[in-house]
Amino acid sequence: MTHPLRTRVLALYAAVDAAIAAAAPKCEGSGRCCRFTEYGHTLFLSQFEAEILLETAPAYEPPITRDGCPFQVNNLCTARDERPLGCRIYFCDPAYTDTGNRITEDAVAELKKLADEFDAGWQYAPLHVFLNAAERPRETPRRIPLPRA
């Protein structure tokens, strides 16, 4: 990912974080957000988000299943700063559902615009697909080549 594209994705993260702060959804700290199969959801992300996540995320043991996030430890996120949009936006608060859906739709649309603007292609897949495709040693994170669609 080029530096200008990375800068724009991080700016999108900041704008999403501000929208979420303004909506003030409640978080119970239950960790349900990261236990995908148990609670009936899937975390999708773009190749841009995957690259940012994998640059600094803690090591993990592949293969990763679709069941949950390997970065959740004791109901807490160990990759919080670099987490993708779905992790930033999703809250269990039922009063926030419509707002969260709108923020998600707007953010994904913006990512697609960035993909077009930077002629970067578009890949959008569940978390485990990107993590299992990553070629990184367990002991140190590094940038990884992601498969292009």
C-alpha atoms as a PDB file:
ATOM      1  CA  MET A   1       0.000   0.000   0.000  1.00  0.00           C
ATOM      2  CA  THR A   2       1.360   3.404  -0.894  1.00  0.00           C
ATOM      3  CA  HIS A   3       1.931   5.985   1.813  1.00  0.00           C
ATOM      4  CA  PRO A   4      -0.764   8.343   0.446  1.00  0.00           C
ATOM      5  CA  LEU A   5      -3.339   5.523   0.395  1.00  0.00           C
ATOM      6  CA  ARG A   6      -2.380   4.416   3.914  1.00  0.00           C
ATOM      7  CA  THR A   7      -2.724   8.021   5.102  1.00  0.00           C
ATOM      8  CA  ARG A   8      -6.232   8.235   3.622  1.00  0.00           C
ATOM      9  CA  VAL A   9      -7.303   4.903   5.185  1.00  0.00           C
ATOM     10  CA  LEU A  10      -6.049   6.090   8.585  1.00  0.00           C
ATOM     11  CA  ALA A  11      -7.955   9.363   8.091  1.00  0.00           C
ATOM     12  CA  LEU A  12     -11.071   7.295   7.422  1.00  0.00           C
ATOM     13  CA  TYR A  13     -10.432   5.399  10.670  1.00  0.00           C
ATOM     14  CA  ALA A  14     -10.245   8.741  12.511  1.00  0.00           C
ATOM     15  CA  ALA A  15     -13.496   9.977  10.940  1.00  0.00           C
ATOM     16  CA  VAL A  16     -15.255   6.716  11.841  1.00  0.00           C
ATOM     17  CA  ASP A  17     -13.930   6.908  15.408  1.00  0.00           C
ATOM     18  CA  ALA A  18     -15.334  10.459  15.676  1.00  0.00           C
ATOM     19  CA  ALA A  19     -18.747   9.360  14.350  1.00  0.00           C
ATOM     20  CA  ILE A  20     -18.833   6.509  16.850  1.00  0.00           C
ATOM     21  CA  ALA A  21     -17.833   8.794  19.711  1.00  0.00           C
ATOM     22  CA  ALA A  22     -20.658  11.156  18.739  1.00  0.00           C
ATOM     23  CA  ALA A  23     -23.151   8.258  18.713  1.00  0.00           C
ATOM     24  CA  ALA A  24     -21.864   7.080  22.117  1.00  0.00           C
ATOM     25  CA  PRO A  25     -22.841   3.387  21.891  1.00  0.00           C
ATOM     26  CA  LYS A  26     -22.613   1.319  25.074  1.00  0.00           C
ATOM     27  CA  CYS A  27     -19.992  -1.410  25.398  1.00  0.00           C
ATOM     28  CA  GLU A  28     -20.477  -4.040  28.085  1.00  0.00           C
ATOM     29  CA  GLY A  29     -16.964  -5.442  27.614  1.00  0.00           C
ATOM     30  CA  SER A  30     -18.416  -8.921  27.080  1.00  0.00           C
ATOM     31  CA  GLY A  31     -16.143  -9.823  24.179  1.00  0.00           C
ATOM     32  CA  ARG A  32     -19.120 -11.021  22.115  1.00  0.00           C
ATOM     33  CA  CYS A  33     -17.958  -8.858  19.234  1.00  0.00           C
ATOM     34  CA  CYS A  34     -14.935 -11.114  18.701  1.00  0.00           C
ATOM     35  CA  ARG A  35     -16.645 -14.497  19.075  1.00  0.00           C
ATOM     36  CA  PHE A  36     -18.073 -14.566  15.573  1.00  0.00           C
ATOM     37  CA  THR A  37     -19.649 -17.999  15.249  1.00  0.00           C
ATOM     38  CA  GLU A  38     -21.039 -18.005  18.780  1.00  0.00           C
ATOM     39  CA  TYR A  39     -22.899 -14.733  18.163  1.00  0.00           C
ATOM     40  CA  GLY A  40     -23.767 -15.192  14.496  1.00  0.00           C
ATOM     41  CA  HIS A  41     -21.644 -12.604  12.744  1.00  0.00           C
ATOM     42  CA  THR A  42     -18.606 -12.420  10.482  1.00  0.00           C
ATOM     43  CA  LEU A  43     -15.914  -9.750  10.449  1.00  0.00           C
ATOM     44  CA  PHE A  44     -15.283  -8.629   6.870  1.00  0.00           C
ATOM     45  CA  LEU A  45     -12.444  -6.302   5.974  1.00  0.00           C
ATOM     46  CA  SER A  46     -10.665  -4.920   2.947  1.00  0.00           C
ATOM     47  CA  GLN A  47      -7.115  -5.673   1.902  1.00  0.00           C
ATOM     48  CA  PHE A  48      -6.151  -2.180   3.108  1.00  0.00           C
ATOM     49  CA  GLU A  49      -7.461  -2.852   6.603  1.00  0.00           C
ATOM     50  CA  ALA A  50      -5.783  -6.268   6.647  1.00  0.00           C
ATOM     51  CA  GLU A  51      -2.419  -4.786   5.734  1.00  0.00           C
ATOM     52  CA  ILE A  52      -2.665  -2.121   8.446  1.00  0.00           C
ATOM     53  CA  LEU A  53      -3.777  -4.710  11.002  1.00  0.00           C
ATOM     54  CA  LEU A  54      -0.960  -7.107  10.168  1.00  0.00           C
ATOM     55  CA  GLU A  55       1.755  -4.461  10.259  1.00  0.00           C
ATOM     56  CA  THR A  56       1.722  -4.358  14.060  1.00  0.00           C
ATOM     57  CA  ALA A  57      -0.779  -6.925  15.359  1.00  0.00           C
ATOM     58  CA  PRO A  58       0.433  -9.538  17.825  1.00  0.00           C
ATOM     59  CA  ALA A  59       1.645 -12.880  16.523  1.00  0.00           C
ATOM     60  CA  TYR A  60      -0.991 -15.590  16.106  1.00  0.00           C
ATOM     61  CA  GLU A  61      -1.010 -19.313  15.455  1.00  0.00           C
ATOM     62  CA  PRO A  62      -2.470 -20.312  12.072  1.00  0.00           C
ATOM     63  CA  PRO A  63      -4.685 -21.682  10.803  1.00  0.00           C
ATOM     64  CA  ILE A  64      -7.322 -19.231  11.958  1.00  0.00           C
ATOM     65  CA  THR A  65     -10.959 -20.314  11.799  1.00  0.00           C
ATOM     66  CA  ARG A  66     -14.007 -18.172  11.191  1.00  0.00           C
ATOM     67  CA  ASP A  67     -15.086 -18.772  14.805  1.00  0.00           C
ATOM     68  CA  GLY A  68     -13.383 -15.821  16.463  1.00  0.00           C
ATOM     69  CA  CYS A  69     -10.610 -13.280  16.518  1.00  0.00           C
ATOM     70  CA  PRO A  70      -7.152 -14.485  17.541  1.00  0.00           C
ATOM     71  CA  PHE A  71      -6.376 -11.035  18.916  1.00  0.00           C
ATOM     72  CA  GLN A  72      -9.021 -11.245  21.658  1.00  0.00           C
ATOM     73  CA  VAL A  73      -7.478 -12.141  25.013  1.00  0.00           C
ATOM     74  CA  ASN A  74      -9.606 -12.166  28.185  1.00  0.00           C
ATOM     75  CA  ASN A  75     -12.404 -10.329  26.318  1.00  0.00           C
ATOM     76  CA  LEU A  76     -10.003  -7.533  25.345  1.00  0.00           C
ATOM     77  CA  CYS A  77      -8.513  -6.586  21.980  1.00  0.00           C
ATOM     78  CA  THR A  78      -4.739  -6.905  21.730  1.00  0.00           C
ATOM     79  CA  ALA A  79      -4.714  -5.185  18.297  1.00  0.00           C
ATOM     80  CA  ARG A  80      -6.844  -2.204  19.257  1.00  0.00           C
ATOM     81  CA  ASP A  81      -4.975   0.648  17.558  1.00  0.00           C
ATOM     82  CA  GLU A  82      -4.758  -1.085  14.183  1.00  0.00           C
ATOM     83  CA  ARG A  83      -8.151  -2.809  14.299  1.00  0.00           C
ATOM     84  CA  PRO A  84     -10.256  -2.715  11.118  1.00  0.00           C
ATOM     85  CA  LEU A  85     -13.445  -0.738  10.590  1.00  0.00           C
ATOM     86  CA  GLY A  86     -15.781  -3.602  11.527  1.00  0.00           C
ATOM     87  CA  CYS A  87     -14.125  -3.823  14.938  1.00  0.00           C
ATOM     88  CA  ARG A  88     -14.321  -0.081  15.411  1.00  0.00           C
ATOM     89  CA  ILE A  89     -17.971   0.157  14.412  1.00  0.00           C
ATOM     90  CA  TYR A  90     -19.587  -2.976  15.890  1.00  0.00           C
ATOM     91  CA  PHE A  91     -21.219  -2.648  19.317  1.00  0.00           C
ATOM     92  CA  CYS A  92     -23.741  -4.939  21.014  1.00  0.00           C
ATOM     93  CA  ASP A  93     -25.863  -1.907  21.968  1.00  0.00           C
ATOM     94  CA  PRO A  94     -29.286  -2.449  20.301  1.00  0.00           C
ATOM     95  CA  ALA A  95     -29.999   1.308  20.338  1.00  0.00           C
ATOM     96  CA  TYR A  96     -26.924   1.823  18.114  1.00  0.00           C
ATOM     97  CA  THR A  97     -27.665  -0.803  15.431  1.00  0.00           C
ATOM     98  CA  ASP A  98     -29.074   1.545  12.771  1.00  0.00           C
ATOM     99  CA  THR A  99     -26.345   4.130  13.374  1.00  0.00           C
ATOM    100  CA  GLY A 100     -23.649   1.442  13.211  1.00  0.00           C
ATOM    101  CA  ASN A 101     -25.089   0.102   9.964  1.00  0.00           C
ATOM    102  CA  ARG A 102     -25.056   3.585   8.415  1.00  0.00           C
ATOM    103  CA  ILE A 103     -21.475   4.245   9.549  1.00  0.00           C
ATOM    104  CA  THR A 104     -20.442   0.872   8.100  1.00  0.00           C
ATOM    105  CA  GLU A 105     -22.098   1.481   4.738  1.00  0.00           C
ATOM    106  CA  ASP A 106     -20.519   4.934   4.451  1.00  0.00           C
ATOM    107  CA  ALA A 107     -17.056   3.669   5.468  1.00  0.00           C
ATOM    108  CA  VAL A 108     -17.070   0.720   3.061  1.00  0.00           C
ATOM    109  CA  ALA A 109     -18.218   3.010   0.248  1.00  0.00           C
ATOM    110  CA  GLU A 110     -15.306   5.327   1.048  1.00  0.00           C
ATOM    111  CA  LEU A 111     -12.846   2.396   1.012  1.00  0.00           C
ATOM    112  CA  LYS A 112     -14.150   1.390  -2.416  1.00  0.00           C
ATOM    113  CA  LYS A 113     -13.662   4.967  -3.652  1.00  0.00           C
ATOM    114  CA  LEU A 114     -10.082   4.874  -2.387  1.00  0.00           C
ATOM    115  CA  ALA A 115      -9.484   1.562  -4.168  1.00  0.00           C
ATOM    116  CA  ASP A 116     -10.677   3.149  -7.413  1.00  0.00           C
ATOM    117  CA  GLU A 117      -8.830   6.420  -6.902  1.00  0.00           C
ATOM    118  CA  PHE A 118      -5.527   4.651  -6.217  1.00  0.00           C
ATOM    119  CA  ASP A 119      -6.162   1.875  -8.772  1.00  0.00           C
ATOM    120  CA  ALA A 120      -5.483  -0.589  -5.973  1.00  0.00           C
ATOM    121  CA  GLY A 121      -8.084  -3.251  -6.741  1.00  0.00           C
ATOM    122  CA  TRP A 122     -10.725  -4.365  -4.275  1.00  0.00           C
ATOM    123  CA  GLN A 123     -10.709  -7.366  -2.008  1.00  0.00           C
ATOM    124  CA  TYR A 124     -13.211  -7.760   0.805  1.00  0.00           C
ATOM    125  CA  ALA A 125     -13.218 -11.001   2.787  1.00  0.00           C
ATOM    126  CA  PRO A 126     -13.622 -12.444   6.292  1.00  0.00           C
ATOM    127  CA  LEU A 127     -10.775 -11.867   8.743  1.00  0.00           C
ATOM    128  CA  HIS A 128      -9.635 -15.481   8.732  1.00  0.00           C
ATOM    129  CA  VAL A 129      -9.094 -15.406   4.948  1.00  0.00           C
ATOM    130  CA  PHE A 130      -6.562 -12.582   5.239  1.00  0.00           C
ATOM    131  CA  LEU A 131      -4.879 -13.984   8.343  1.00  0.00           C
ATOM    132  CA  ASN A 132      -4.434 -17.412   6.786  1.00  0.00           C
ATOM    133  CA  ALA A 133      -3.071 -15.874   3.566  1.00  0.00           C
ATOM    134  CA  ALA A 134      -0.506 -13.805   5.461  1.00  0.00           C
ATOM    135  CA  GLU A 135       3.077 -14.920   5.311  1.00  0.00           C
ATOM    136  CA  ARG A 136       4.539 -13.721   8.550  1.00  0.00           C
ATOM    137  CA  PRO A 137       6.653 -15.335  11.218  1.00  0.00           C
ATOM    138  CA  ARG A 138       4.995 -15.975  14.544  1.00  0.00           C
ATOM    139  CA  GLU A 139       7.552 -14.017  16.526  1.00  0.00           C
ATOM    140  CA  THR A 140       7.644 -10.698  14.619  1.00  0.00           C
ATOM    141  CA  PRO A 141       4.979  -8.908  12.608  1.00  0.00           C
ATOM    142  CA  ARG A 142       5.862  -7.557   9.166  1.00  0.00           C
ATOM    143  CA  ARG A 143       4.145  -6.283   6.059  1.00  0.00           C
ATOM    144  CA  ILE A 144       2.627  -9.071   4.031  1.00  0.00           C
ATOM    145  CA  PRO A 145       1.645  -9.456   0.410  1.00  0.00           C
ATOM    146  CA  LEU A 146      -2.096  -9.921   0.111  1.00  0.00           C
ATOM    147  CA  PRO A 147      -3.669 -11.838  -2.735  1.00  0.00           C
ATOM    148  CA  ARG A 148      -5.231  -9.576  -5.337  1.00  0.00           C
ATOM    149  CA  ALA A 149      -8.730 -10.242  -6.557  1.00  0.00           C
END
